[in-house]
């Protein structure tokens, strides 16, 4: 849900990077 949320607000690369940092 966080990654899906970030894709709505950020460019795709930034959303994926931020989602990966959250997982870690």
PDBML (XML) file of the C-alpha atoms, coordinates in Angstrom:
<?xml version="1.0" encoding="UTF-8" ?>
<PDBx:datablock datablockName="MODEL"
   xmlns:PDBx="http://pdbml.pdb.org/schema/pdbx-v50.xsd"
   xmlns:xsi="http://www.w3.org/2001/XMLSchema-instance"
   xsi:schemaLocation="http://pdbml.pdb.org/schema/pdbx-v50.xsd pdbx-v50.xsd">
   <PDBx:atom_siteCategory>
      <PDBx:atom_site id="1">
         <PDBx:B_iso_or_equiv>0.00</PDBx:B_iso_or_equiv>
         <PDBx:Cartn_x>0.000</PDBx:Cartn_x>
         <PDBx:Cartn_y>0.000</PDBx:Cartn_y>
         <PDBx:Cartn_z>0.000</PDBx:Cartn_z>
         <PDBx:auth_asym_id>A</PDBx:auth_asym_id>
         <PDBx:auth_atom_id>CA</PDBx:auth_atom_id>
         <PDBx:auth_comp_id>UNK</PDBx:auth_comp_id>
         <PDBx:auth_seq_id>1</PDBx:auth_seq_id>
         <PDBx:group_PDB>ATOM</PDBx:group_PDB>
         <PDBx:label_alt_id xsi:nil="true" />
         <PDBx:label_asym_id>A</PDBx:label_asym_id>
         <PDBx:label_atom_id>CA</PDBx:label_atom_id>
         <PDBx:label_comp_id>UNK</PDBx:label_comp_id>
         <PDBx:label_entity_id>1</PDBx:label_entity_id>
         <PDBx:label_seq_id>1</PDBx:label_seq_id>
         <PDBx:occupancy>1.00</PDBx:occupancy>
         <PDBx:pdbx_PDB_model_num>1</PDBx:pdbx_PDB_model_num>
         <PDBx:type_symbol>C</PDBx:type_symbol>
      </PDBx:atom_site>
      <PDBx:atom_site id="2">
         <PDBx:B_iso_or_equiv>0.00</PDBx:B_iso_or_equiv>
         <PDBx:Cartn_x>2.872</PDBx:Cartn_x>
         <PDBx:Cartn_y>2.393</PDBx:Cartn_y>
         <PDBx:Cartn_z>0.754</PDBx:Cartn_z>
         <PDBx:auth_asym_id>A</PDBx:auth_asym_id>
         <PDBx:auth_atom_id>CA</PDBx:auth_atom_id>
         <PDBx:auth_comp_id>UNK</PDBx:auth_comp_id>
         <PDBx:auth_seq_id>2</PDBx:auth_seq_id>
         <PDBx:group_PDB>ATOM</PDBx:group_PDB>
         <PDBx:label_alt_id xsi:nil="true" />
         <PDBx:label_asym_id>A</PDBx:label_asym_id>
         <PDBx:label_atom_id>CA</PDBx:label_atom_id>
         <PDBx:label_comp_id>UNK</PDBx:label_comp_id>
         <PDBx:label_entity_id>1</PDBx:label_entity_id>
         <PDBx:label_seq_id>2</PDBx:label_seq_id>
         <PDBx:occupancy>1.00</PDBx:occupancy>
         <PDBx:pdbx_PDB_model_num>1</PDBx:pdbx_PDB_model_num>
         <PDBx:type_symbol>C</PDBx:type_symbol>
      </PDBx:atom_site>
      <PDBx:atom_site id="3">
         <PDBx:B_iso_or_equiv>0.00</PDBx:B_iso_or_equiv>
         <PDBx:Cartn_x>4.501</PDBx:Cartn_x>
         <PDBx:Cartn_y>1.793</PDBx:Cartn_y>
         <PDBx:Cartn_z>-2.616</PDBx:Cartn_z>
         <PDBx:auth_asym_id>A</PDBx:auth_asym_id>
         <PDBx:auth_atom_id>CA</PDBx:auth_atom_id>
         <PDBx:auth_comp_id>UNK</PDBx:auth_comp_id>
         <PDBx:auth_seq_id>3</PDBx:auth_seq_id>
         <PDBx:group_PDB>ATOM</PDBx:group_PDB>
         <PDBx:label_alt_id xsi:nil="true" />
         <PDBx:label_asym_id>A</PDBx:label_asym_id>
         <PDBx:label_atom_id>CA</PDBx:label_atom_id>
         <PDBx:label_comp_id>UNK</PDBx:label_comp_id>
         <PDBx:label_entity_id>1</PDBx:label_entity_id>
         <PDBx:label_seq_id>3</PDBx:label_seq_id>
         <PDBx:occupancy>1.00</PDBx:occupancy>
         <PDBx:pdbx_PDB_model_num>1</PDBx:pdbx_PDB_model_num>
         <PDBx:type_symbol>C</PDBx:type_symbol>
      </PDBx:atom_site>
      <PDBx:atom_site id="4">
         <PDBx:B_iso_or_equiv>0.00</PDBx:B_iso_or_equiv>
         <PDBx:Cartn_x>1.129</PDBx:Cartn_x>
         <PDBx:Cartn_y>2.185</PDBx:Cartn_y>
         <PDBx:Cartn_z>-4.360</PDBx:Cartn_z>
         <PDBx:auth_asym_id>A</PDBx:auth_asym_id>
         <PDBx:auth_atom_id>CA</PDBx:auth_atom_id>
         <PDBx:auth_comp_id>UNK</PDBx:auth_comp_id>
         <PDBx:auth_seq_id>4</PDBx:auth_seq_id>
         <PDBx:group_PDB>ATOM</PDBx:group_PDB>
         <PDBx:label_alt_id xsi:nil="true" />
         <PDBx:label_asym_id>A</PDBx:label_asym_id>
         <PDBx:label_atom_id>CA</PDBx:label_atom_id>
         <PDBx:label_comp_id>UNK</PDBx:label_comp_id>
         <PDBx:label_entity_id>1</PDBx:label_entity_id>
         <PDBx:label_seq_id>4</PDBx:label_seq_id>
         <PDBx:occupancy>1.00</PDBx:occupancy>
         <PDBx:pdbx_PDB_model_num>1</PDBx:pdbx_PDB_model_num>
         <PDBx:type_symbol>C</PDBx:type_symbol>
      </PDBx:atom_site>
      <PDBx:atom_site id="5">
         <PDBx:B_iso_or_equiv>0.00</PDBx:B_iso_or_equiv>
         <PDBx:Cartn_x>0.591</PDBx:Cartn_x>
         <PDBx:Cartn_y>5.432</PDBx:Cartn_y>
         <PDBx:Cartn_z>-2.433</PDBx:Cartn_z>
         <PDBx:auth_asym_id>A</PDBx:auth_asym_id>
         <PDBx:auth_atom_id>CA</PDBx:auth_atom_id>
         <PDBx:auth_comp_id>UNK</PDBx:auth_comp_id>
         <PDBx:auth_seq_id>5</PDBx:auth_seq_id>
         <PDBx:group_PDB>ATOM</PDBx:group_PDB>
         <PDBx:label_alt_id xsi:nil="true" />
         <PDBx:label_asym_id>A</PDBx:label_asym_id>
         <PDBx:label_atom_id>CA</PDBx:label_atom_id>
         <PDBx:label_comp_id>UNK</PDBx:label_comp_id>
         <PDBx:label_entity_id>1</PDBx:label_entity_id>
         <PDBx:label_seq_id>5</PDBx:label_seq_id>
         <PDBx:occupancy>1.00</PDBx:occupancy>
         <PDBx:pdbx_PDB_model_num>1</PDBx:pdbx_PDB_model_num>
         <PDBx:type_symbol>C</PDBx:type_symbol>
      </PDBx:atom_site>
      <PDBx:atom_site id="6">
         <PDBx:B_iso_or_equiv>0.00</PDBx:B_iso_or_equiv>
         <PDBx:Cartn_x>4.021</PDBx:Cartn_x>
         <PDBx:Cartn_y>6.756</PDBx:Cartn_y>
         <PDBx:Cartn_z>-3.388</PDBx:Cartn_z>
         <PDBx:auth_asym_id>A</PDBx:auth_asym_id>
         <PDBx:auth_atom_id>CA</PDBx:auth_atom_id>
         <PDBx:auth_comp_id>UNK</PDBx:auth_comp_id>
         <PDBx:auth_seq_id>6</PDBx:auth_seq_id>
         <PDBx:group_PDB>ATOM</PDBx:group_PDB>
         <PDBx:label_alt_id xsi:nil="true" />
         <PDBx:label_asym_id>A</PDBx:label_asym_id>
         <PDBx:label_atom_id>CA</PDBx:label_atom_id>
         <PDBx:label_comp_id>UNK</PDBx:label_comp_id>
         <PDBx:label_entity_id>1</PDBx:label_entity_id>
         <PDBx:label_seq_id>6</PDBx:label_seq_id>
         <PDBx:occupancy>1.00</PDBx:occupancy>
         <PDBx:pdbx_PDB_model_num>1</PDBx:pdbx_PDB_model_num>
         <PDBx:type_symbol>C</PDBx:type_symbol>
      </PDBx:atom_site>
      <PDBx:atom_site id="7">
         <PDBx:B_iso_or_equiv>0.00</PDBx:B_iso_or_equiv>
         <PDBx:Cartn_x>3.388</PDBx:Cartn_x>
         <PDBx:Cartn_y>6.006</PDBx:Cartn_y>
         <PDBx:Cartn_z>-7.081</PDBx:Cartn_z>
         <PDBx:auth_asym_id>A</PDBx:auth_asym_id>
         <PDBx:auth_atom_id>CA</PDBx:auth_atom_id>
         <PDBx:auth_comp_id>UNK</PDBx:auth_comp_id>
         <PDBx:auth_seq_id>7</PDBx:auth_seq_id>
         <PDBx:group_PDB>ATOM</PDBx:group_PDB>
         <PDBx:label_alt_id xsi:nil="true" />
         <PDBx:label_asym_id>A</PDBx:label_asym_id>
         <PDBx:label_atom_id>CA</PDBx:label_atom_id>
         <PDBx:label_comp_id>UNK</PDBx:label_comp_id>
         <PDBx:label_entity_id>1</PDBx:label_entity_id>
         <PDBx:label_seq_id>7</PDBx:label_seq_id>
         <PDBx:occupancy>1.00</PDBx:occupancy>
         <PDBx:pdbx_PDB_model_num>1</PDBx:pdbx_PDB_model_num>
         <PDBx:type_symbol>C</PDBx:type_symbol>
      </PDBx:atom_site>
      <PDBx:atom_site id="8">
         <PDBx:B_iso_or_equiv>0.00</PDBx:B_iso_or_equiv>
         <PDBx:Cartn_x>0.457</PDBx:Cartn_x>
         <PDBx:Cartn_y>8.410</PDBx:Cartn_y>
         <PDBx:Cartn_z>-6.885</PDBx:Cartn_z>
         <PDBx:auth_asym_id>A</PDBx:auth_asym_id>
         <PDBx:auth_atom_id>CA</PDBx:auth_atom_id>
         <PDBx:auth_comp_id>UNK</PDBx:auth_comp_id>
         <PDBx:auth_seq_id>8</PDBx:auth_seq_id>
         <PDBx:group_PDB>ATOM</PDBx:group_PDB>
         <PDBx:label_alt_id xsi:nil="true" />
         <PDBx:label_asym_id>A</PDBx:label_asym_id>
         <PDBx:label_atom_id>CA</PDBx:label_atom_id>
         <PDBx:label_comp_id>UNK</PDBx:label_comp_id>
         <PDBx:label_entity_id>1</PDBx:label_entity_id>
         <PDBx:label_seq_id>8</PDBx:label_seq_id>
         <PDBx:occupancy>1.00</PDBx:occupancy>
         <PDBx:pdbx_PDB_model_num>1</PDBx:pdbx_PDB_model_num>
         <PDBx:type_symbol>C</PDBx:type_symbol>
      </PDBx:atom_site>
      <PDBx:atom_site id="9">
         <PDBx:B_iso_or_equiv>0.00</PDBx:B_iso_or_equiv>
         <PDBx:Cartn_x>2.573</PDBx:Cartn_x>
         <PDBx:Cartn_y>11.270</PDBx:Cartn_y>
         <PDBx:Cartn_z>-5.557</PDBx:Cartn_z>
         <PDBx:auth_asym_id>A</PDBx:auth_asym_id>
         <PDBx:auth_atom_id>CA</PDBx:auth_atom_id>
         <PDBx:auth_comp_id>UNK</PDBx:auth_comp_id>
         <PDBx:auth_seq_id>9</PDBx:auth_seq_id>
         <PDBx:group_PDB>ATOM</PDBx:group_PDB>
         <PDBx:label_alt_id xsi:nil="true" />
         <PDBx:label_asym_id>A</PDBx:label_asym_id>
         <PDBx:label_atom_id>CA</PDBx:label_atom_id>
         <PDBx:label_comp_id>UNK</PDBx:label_comp_id>
         <PDBx:label_entity_id>1</PDBx:label_entity_id>
         <PDBx:label_seq_id>9</PDBx:label_seq_id>
         <PDBx:occupancy>1.00</PDBx:occupancy>
         <PDBx:pdbx_PDB_model_num>1</PDBx:pdbx_PDB_model_num>
         <PDBx:type_symbol>C</PDBx:type_symbol>
      </PDBx:atom_site>
      <PDBx:atom_site id="10">
         <PDBx:B_iso_or_equiv>0.00</PDBx:B_iso_or_equiv>
         <PDBx:Cartn_x>6.105</PDBx:Cartn_x>
         <PDBx:Cartn_y>10.705</PDBx:Cartn_y>
         <PDBx:Cartn_z>-6.866</PDBx:Cartn_z>
         <PDBx:auth_asym_id>A</PDBx:auth_asym_id>
         <PDBx:auth_atom_id>CA</PDBx:auth_atom_id>
         <PDBx:auth_comp_id>UNK</PDBx:auth_comp_id>
         <PDBx:auth_seq_id>10</PDBx:auth_seq_id>
         <PDBx:group_PDB>ATOM</PDBx:group_PDB>
         <PDBx:label_alt_id xsi:nil="true" />
         <PDBx:label_asym_id>A</PDBx:label_asym_id>
         <PDBx:label_atom_id>CA</PDBx:label_atom_id>
         <PDBx:label_comp_id>UNK</PDBx:label_comp_id>
         <PDBx:label_entity_id>1</PDBx:label_entity_id>
         <PDBx:label_seq_id>10</PDBx:label_seq_id>
         <PDBx:occupancy>1.00</PDBx:occupancy>
         <PDBx:pdbx_PDB_model_num>1</PDBx:pdbx_PDB_model_num>
         <PDBx:type_symbol>C</PDBx:type_symbol>
      </PDBx:atom_site>
      <PDBx:atom_site id="11">
         <PDBx:B_iso_or_equiv>0.00</PDBx:B_iso_or_equiv>
         <PDBx:Cartn_x>7.769</PDBx:Cartn_x>
         <PDBx:Cartn_y>9.781</PDBx:Cartn_y>
         <PDBx:Cartn_z>-10.159</PDBx:Cartn_z>
         <PDBx:auth_asym_id>A</PDBx:auth_asym_id>
         <PDBx:auth_atom_id>CA</PDBx:auth_atom_id>
         <PDBx:auth_comp_id>UNK</PDBx:auth_comp_id>
         <PDBx:auth_seq_id>11</PDBx:auth_seq_id>
         <PDBx:group_PDB>ATOM</PDBx:group_PDB>
         <PDBx:label_alt_id xsi:nil="true" />
         <PDBx:label_asym_id>A</PDBx:label_asym_id>
         <PDBx:label_atom_id>CA</PDBx:label_atom_id>
         <PDBx:label_comp_id>UNK</PDBx:label_comp_id>
         <PDBx:label_entity_id>1</PDBx:label_entity_id>
         <PDBx:label_seq_id>11</PDBx:label_seq_id>
         <PDBx:occupancy>1.00</PDBx:occupancy>
         <PDBx:pdbx_PDB_model_num>1</PDBx:pdbx_PDB_model_num>
         <PDBx:type_symbol>C</PDBx:type_symbol>
      </PDBx:atom_site>
      <PDBx:atom_site id="12">
         <PDBx:B_iso_or_equiv>0.00</PDBx:B_iso_or_equiv>
         <PDBx:Cartn_x>8.052</PDBx:Cartn_x>
         <PDBx:Cartn_y>5.982</PDBx:Cartn_y>
         <PDBx:Cartn_z>-10.580</PDBx:Cartn_z>
         <PDBx:auth_asym_id>A</PDBx:auth_asym_id>
         <PDBx:auth_atom_id>CA</PDBx:auth_atom_id>
         <PDBx:auth_comp_id>UNK</PDBx:auth_comp_id>
         <PDBx:auth_seq_id>12</PDBx:auth_seq_id>
         <PDBx:group_PDB>ATOM</PDBx:group_PDB>
         <PDBx:label_alt_id xsi:nil="true" />
         <PDBx:label_asym_id>A</PDBx:label_asym_id>
         <PDBx:label_atom_id>CA</PDBx:label_atom_id>
         <PDBx:label_comp_id>UNK</PDBx:label_comp_id>
         <PDBx:label_entity_id>1</PDBx:label_entity_id>
         <PDBx:label_seq_id>12</PDBx:label_seq_id>
         <PDBx:occupancy>1.00</PDBx:occupancy>
         <PDBx:pdbx_PDB_model_num>1</PDBx:pdbx_PDB_model_num>
         <PDBx:type_symbol>C</PDBx:type_symbol>
      </PDBx:atom_site>
      <PDBx:atom_site id="13">
         <PDBx:B_iso_or_equiv>0.00</PDBx:B_iso_or_equiv>
         <PDBx:Cartn_x>11.773</PDBx:Cartn_x>
         <PDBx:Cartn_y>5.688</PDBx:Cartn_y>
         <PDBx:Cartn_z>-9.762</PDBx:Cartn_z>
         <PDBx:auth_asym_id>A</PDBx:auth_asym_id>
         <PDBx:auth_atom_id>CA</PDBx:auth_atom_id>
         <PDBx:auth_comp_id>UNK</PDBx:auth_comp_id>
         <PDBx:auth_seq_id>13</PDBx:auth_seq_id>
         <PDBx:group_PDB>ATOM</PDBx:group_PDB>
         <PDBx:label_alt_id xsi:nil="true" />
         <PDBx:label_asym_id>A</PDBx:label_asym_id>
         <PDBx:label_atom_id>CA</PDBx:label_atom_id>
         <PDBx:label_comp_id>UNK</PDBx:label_comp_id>
         <PDBx:label_entity_id>1</PDBx:label_entity_id>
         <PDBx:label_seq_id>13</PDBx:label_seq_id>
         <PDBx:occupancy>1.00</PDBx:occupancy>
         <PDBx:pdbx_PDB_model_num>1</PDBx:pdbx_PDB_model_num>
         <PDBx:type_symbol>C</PDBx:type_symbol>
      </PDBx:atom_site>
      <PDBx:atom_site id="14">
         <PDBx:B_iso_or_equiv>0.00</PDBx:B_iso_or_equiv>
         <PDBx:Cartn_x>11.475</PDBx:Cartn_x>
         <PDBx:Cartn_y>7.826</PDBx:Cartn_y>
         <PDBx:Cartn_z>-6.632</PDBx:Cartn_z>
         <PDBx:auth_asym_id>A</PDBx:auth_asym_id>
         <PDBx:auth_atom_id>CA</PDBx:auth_atom_id>
         <PDBx:auth_comp_id>UNK</PDBx:auth_comp_id>
         <PDBx:auth_seq_id>14</PDBx:auth_seq_id>
         <PDBx:group_PDB>ATOM</PDBx:group_PDB>
         <PDBx:label_alt_id xsi:nil="true" />
         <PDBx:label_asym_id>A</PDBx:label_asym_id>
         <PDBx:label_atom_id>CA</PDBx:label_atom_id>
         <PDBx:label_comp_id>UNK</PDBx:label_comp_id>
         <PDBx:label_entity_id>1</PDBx:label_entity_id>
         <PDBx:label_seq_id>14</PDBx:label_seq_id>
         <PDBx:occupancy>1.00</PDBx:occupancy>
         <PDBx:pdbx_PDB_model_num>1</PDBx:pdbx_PDB_model_num>
         <PDBx:type_symbol>C</PDBx:type_symbol>
      </PDBx:atom_site>
      <PDBx:atom_site id="15">
         <PDBx:B_iso_or_equiv>0.00</PDBx:B_iso_or_equiv>
         <PDBx:Cartn_x>8.422</PDBx:Cartn_x>
         <PDBx:Cartn_y>5.857</PDBx:Cartn_y>
         <PDBx:Cartn_z>-5.482</PDBx:Cartn_z>
         <PDBx:auth_asym_id>A</PDBx:auth_asym_id>
         <PDBx:auth_atom_id>CA</PDBx:auth_atom_id>
         <PDBx:auth_comp_id>UNK</PDBx:auth_comp_id>
         <PDBx:auth_seq_id>15</PDBx:auth_seq_id>
         <PDBx:group_PDB>ATOM</PDBx:group_PDB>
         <PDBx:label_alt_id xsi:nil="true" />
         <PDBx:label_asym_id>A</PDBx:label_asym_id>
         <PDBx:label_atom_id>CA</PDBx:label_atom_id>
         <PDBx:label_comp_id>UNK</PDBx:label_comp_id>
         <PDBx:label_entity_id>1</PDBx:label_entity_id>
         <PDBx:label_seq_id>15</PDBx:label_seq_id>
         <PDBx:occupancy>1.00</PDBx:occupancy>
         <PDBx:pdbx_PDB_model_num>1</PDBx:pdbx_PDB_model_num>
         <PDBx:type_symbol>C</PDBx:type_symbol>
      </PDBx:atom_site>
      <PDBx:atom_site id="16">
         <PDBx:B_iso_or_equiv>0.00</PDBx:B_iso_or_equiv>
         <PDBx:Cartn_x>10.172</PDBx:Cartn_x>
         <PDBx:Cartn_y>2.524</PDBx:Cartn_y>
         <PDBx:Cartn_z>-5.961</PDBx:Cartn_z>
         <PDBx:auth_asym_id>A</PDBx:auth_asym_id>
         <PDBx:auth_atom_id>CA</PDBx:auth_atom_id>
         <PDBx:auth_comp_id>UNK</PDBx:auth_comp_id>
         <PDBx:auth_seq_id>16</PDBx:auth_seq_id>
         <PDBx:group_PDB>ATOM</PDBx:group_PDB>
         <PDBx:label_alt_id xsi:nil="true" />
         <PDBx:label_asym_id>A</PDBx:label_asym_id>
         <PDBx:label_atom_id>CA</PDBx:label_atom_id>
         <PDBx:label_comp_id>UNK</PDBx:label_comp_id>
         <PDBx:label_entity_id>1</PDBx:label_entity_id>
         <PDBx:label_seq_id>16</PDBx:label_seq_id>
         <PDBx:occupancy>1.00</PDBx:occupancy>
         <PDBx:pdbx_PDB_model_num>1</PDBx:pdbx_PDB_model_num>
         <PDBx:type_symbol>C</PDBx:type_symbol>
      </PDBx:atom_site>
      <PDBx:atom_site id="17">
         <PDBx:B_iso_or_equiv>0.00</PDBx:B_iso_or_equiv>
         <PDBx:Cartn_x>13.340</PDBx:Cartn_x>
         <PDBx:Cartn_y>3.764</PDBx:Cartn_y>
         <PDBx:Cartn_z>-4.233</PDBx:Cartn_z>
         <PDBx:auth_asym_id>A</PDBx:auth_asym_id>
         <PDBx:auth_atom_id>CA</PDBx:auth_atom_id>
         <PDBx:auth_comp_id>UNK</PDBx:auth_comp_id>
         <PDBx:auth_seq_id>17</PDBx:auth_seq_id>
         <PDBx:group_PDB>ATOM</PDBx:group_PDB>
         <PDBx:label_alt_id xsi:nil="true" />
         <PDBx:label_asym_id>A</PDBx:label_asym_id>
         <PDBx:label_atom_id>CA</PDBx:label_atom_id>
         <PDBx:label_comp_id>UNK</PDBx:label_comp_id>
         <PDBx:label_entity_id>1</PDBx:label_entity_id>
         <PDBx:label_seq_id>17</PDBx:label_seq_id>
         <PDBx:occupancy>1.00</PDBx:occupancy>
         <PDBx:pdbx_PDB_model_num>1</PDBx:pdbx_PDB_model_num>
         <PDBx:type_symbol>C</PDBx:type_symbol>
      </PDBx:atom_site>
      <PDBx:atom_site id="18">
         <PDBx:B_iso_or_equiv>0.00</PDBx:B_iso_or_equiv>
         <PDBx:Cartn_x>11.351</PDBx:Cartn_x>
         <PDBx:Cartn_y>5.149</PDBx:Cartn_y>
         <PDBx:Cartn_z>-1.273</PDBx:Cartn_z>
         <PDBx:auth_asym_id>A</PDBx:auth_asym_id>
         <PDBx:auth_atom_id>CA</PDBx:auth_atom_id>
         <PDBx:auth_comp_id>UNK</PDBx:auth_comp_id>
         <PDBx:auth_seq_id>18</PDBx:auth_seq_id>
         <PDBx:group_PDB>ATOM</PDBx:group_PDB>
         <PDBx:label_alt_id xsi:nil="true" />
         <PDBx:label_asym_id>A</PDBx:label_asym_id>
         <PDBx:label_atom_id>CA</PDBx:label_atom_id>
         <PDBx:label_comp_id>UNK</PDBx:label_comp_id>
         <PDBx:label_entity_id>1</PDBx:label_entity_id>
         <PDBx:label_seq_id>18</PDBx:label_seq_id>
         <PDBx:occupancy>1.00</PDBx:occupancy>
         <PDBx:pdbx_PDB_model_num>1</PDBx:pdbx_PDB_model_num>
         <PDBx:type_symbol>C</PDBx:type_symbol>
      </PDBx:atom_site>
      <PDBx:atom_site id="19">
         <PDBx:B_iso_or_equiv>0.00</PDBx:B_iso_or_equiv>
         <PDBx:Cartn_x>9.337</PDBx:Cartn_x>
         <PDBx:Cartn_y>1.942</PDBx:Cartn_y>
         <PDBx:Cartn_z>-0.996</PDBx:Cartn_z>
         <PDBx:auth_asym_id>A</PDBx:auth_asym_id>
         <PDBx:auth_atom_id>CA</PDBx:auth_atom_id>
         <PDBx:auth_comp_id>UNK</PDBx:auth_comp_id>
         <PDBx:auth_seq_id>19</PDBx:auth_seq_id>
         <PDBx:group_PDB>ATOM</PDBx:group_PDB>
         <PDBx:label_alt_id xsi:nil="true" />
         <PDBx:label_asym_id>A</PDBx:label_asym_id>
         <PDBx:label_atom_id>CA</PDBx:label_atom_id>
         <PDBx:label_comp_id>UNK</PDBx:label_comp_id>
         <PDBx:label_entity_id>1</PDBx:label_entity_id>
         <PDBx:label_seq_id>19</PDBx:label_seq_id>
         <PDBx:occupancy>1.00</PDBx:occupancy>
         <PDBx:pdbx_PDB_model_num>1</PDBx:pdbx_PDB_model_num>
         <PDBx:type_symbol>C</PDBx:type_symbol>
      </PDBx:atom_site>
      <PDBx:atom_site id="20">
         <PDBx:B_iso_or_equiv>0.00</PDBx:B_iso_or_equiv>
         <PDBx:Cartn_x>12.553</PDBx:Cartn_x>
         <PDBx:Cartn_y>-0.100</PDBx:Cartn_y>
         <PDBx:Cartn_z>-0.960</PDBx:Cartn_z>
         <PDBx:auth_asym_id>A</PDBx:auth_asym_id>
         <PDBx:auth_atom_id>CA</PDBx:auth_atom_id>
         <PDBx:auth_comp_id>UNK</PDBx:auth_comp_id>
         <PDBx:auth_seq_id>20</PDBx:auth_seq_id>
         <PDBx:group_PDB>ATOM</PDBx:group_PDB>
         <PDBx:label_alt_id xsi:nil="true" />
         <PDBx:label_asym_id>A</PDBx:label_asym_id>
         <PDBx:label_atom_id>CA</PDBx:label_atom_id>
         <PDBx:label_comp_id>UNK</PDBx:label_comp_id>
         <PDBx:label_entity_id>1</PDBx:label_entity_id>
         <PDBx:label_seq_id>20</PDBx:label_seq_id>
         <PDBx:occupancy>1.00</PDBx:occupancy>
         <PDBx:pdbx_PDB_model_num>1</PDBx:pdbx_PDB_model_num>
         <PDBx:type_symbol>C</PDBx:type_symbol>
      </PDBx:atom_site>
      <PDBx:atom_site id="21">
         <PDBx:B_iso_or_equiv>0.00</PDBx:B_iso_or_equiv>
         <PDBx:Cartn_x>14.019</PDBx:Cartn_x>
         <PDBx:Cartn_y>2.084</PDBx:Cartn_y>
         <PDBx:Cartn_z>1.796</PDBx:Cartn_z>
         <PDBx:auth_asym_id>A</PDBx:auth_asym_id>
         <PDBx:auth_atom_id>CA</PDBx:auth_atom_id>
         <PDBx:auth_comp_id>UNK</PDBx:auth_comp_id>
         <PDBx:auth_seq_id>21</PDBx:auth_seq_id>
         <PDBx:group_PDB>ATOM</PDBx:group_PDB>
         <PDBx:label_alt_id xsi:nil="true" />
         <PDBx:label_asym_id>A</PDBx:label_asym_id>
         <PDBx:label_atom_id>CA</PDBx:label_atom_id>
         <PDBx:label_comp_id>UNK</PDBx:label_comp_id>
         <PDBx:label_entity_id>1</PDBx:label_entity_id>
         <PDBx:label_seq_id>21</PDBx:label_seq_id>
         <PDBx:occupancy>1.00</PDBx:occupancy>
         <PDBx:pdbx_PDB_model_num>1</PDBx:pdbx_PDB_model_num>
         <PDBx:type_symbol>C</PDBx:type_symbol>
      </PDBx:atom_site>
      <PDBx:atom_site id="22">
         <PDBx:B_iso_or_equiv>0.00</PDBx:B_iso_or_equiv>
         <PDBx:Cartn_x>10.822</PDBx:Cartn_x>
         <PDBx:Cartn_y>1.588</PDBx:Cartn_y>
         <PDBx:Cartn_z>3.807</PDBx:Cartn_z>
         <PDBx:auth_asym_id>A</PDBx:auth_asym_id>
         <PDBx:auth_atom_id>CA</PDBx:auth_atom_id>
         <PDBx:auth_comp_id>UNK</PDBx:auth_comp_id>
         <PDBx:auth_seq_id>22</PDBx:auth_seq_id>
         <PDBx:group_PDB>ATOM</PDBx:group_PDB>
         <PDBx:label_alt_id xsi:nil="true" />
         <PDBx:label_asym_id>A</PDBx:label_asym_id>
         <PDBx:label_atom_id>CA</PDBx:label_atom_id>
         <PDBx:label_comp_id>UNK</PDBx:label_comp_id>
         <PDBx:label_entity_id>1</PDBx:label_entity_id>
         <PDBx:label_seq_id>22</PDBx:label_seq_id>
         <PDBx:occupancy>1.00</PDBx:occupancy>
         <PDBx:pdbx_PDB_model_num>1</PDBx:pdbx_PDB_model_num>
         <PDBx:type_symbol>C</PDBx:type_symbol>
      </PDBx:atom_site>
      <PDBx:atom_site id="23">
         <PDBx:B_iso_or_equiv>0.00</PDBx:B_iso_or_equiv>
         <PDBx:Cartn_x>11.106</PDBx:Cartn_x>
         <PDBx:Cartn_y>-2.197</PDBx:Cartn_y>
         <PDBx:Cartn_z>3.470</PDBx:Cartn_z>
         <PDBx:auth_asym_id>A</PDBx:auth_asym_id>
         <PDBx:auth_atom_id>CA</PDBx:auth_atom_id>
         <PDBx:auth_comp_id>UNK</PDBx:auth_comp_id>
         <PDBx:auth_seq_id>23</PDBx:auth_seq_id>
         <PDBx:group_PDB>ATOM</PDBx:group_PDB>
         <PDBx:label_alt_id xsi:nil="true" />
         <PDBx:label_asym_id>A</PDBx:label_asym_id>
         <PDBx:label_atom_id>CA</PDBx:label_atom_id>
         <PDBx:label_comp_id>UNK</PDBx:label_comp_id>
         <PDBx:label_entity_id>1</PDBx:label_entity_id>
         <PDBx:label_seq_id>23</PDBx:label_seq_id>
         <PDBx:occupancy>1.00</PDBx:occupancy>
         <PDBx:pdbx_PDB_model_num>1</PDBx:pdbx_PDB_model_num>
         <PDBx:type_symbol>C</PDBx:type_symbol>
      </PDBx:atom_site>
      <PDBx:atom_site id="24">
         <PDBx:B_iso_or_equiv>0.00</PDBx:B_iso_or_equiv>
         <PDBx:Cartn_x>14.703</PDBx:Cartn_x>
         <PDBx:Cartn_y>-2.145</PDBx:Cartn_y>
         <PDBx:Cartn_z>4.679</PDBx:Cartn_z>
         <PDBx:auth_asym_id>A</PDBx:auth_asym_id>
         <PDBx:auth_atom_id>CA</PDBx:auth_atom_id>
         <PDBx:auth_comp_id>UNK</PDBx:auth_comp_id>
         <PDBx:auth_seq_id>24</PDBx:auth_seq_id>
         <PDBx:group_PDB>ATOM</PDBx:group_PDB>
         <PDBx:label_alt_id xsi:nil="true" />
         <PDBx:label_asym_id>A</PDBx:label_asym_id>
         <PDBx:label_atom_id>CA</PDBx:label_atom_id>
         <PDBx:label_comp_id>UNK</PDBx:label_comp_id>
         <PDBx:label_entity_id>1</PDBx:label_entity_id>
         <PDBx:label_seq_id>24</PDBx:label_seq_id>
         <PDBx:occupancy>1.00</PDBx:occupancy>
         <PDBx:pdbx_PDB_model_num>1</PDBx:pdbx_PDB_model_num>
         <PDBx:type_symbol>C</PDBx:type_symbol>
      </PDBx:atom_site>
   </PDBx:atom_siteCategory>
</PDBx:datablock>
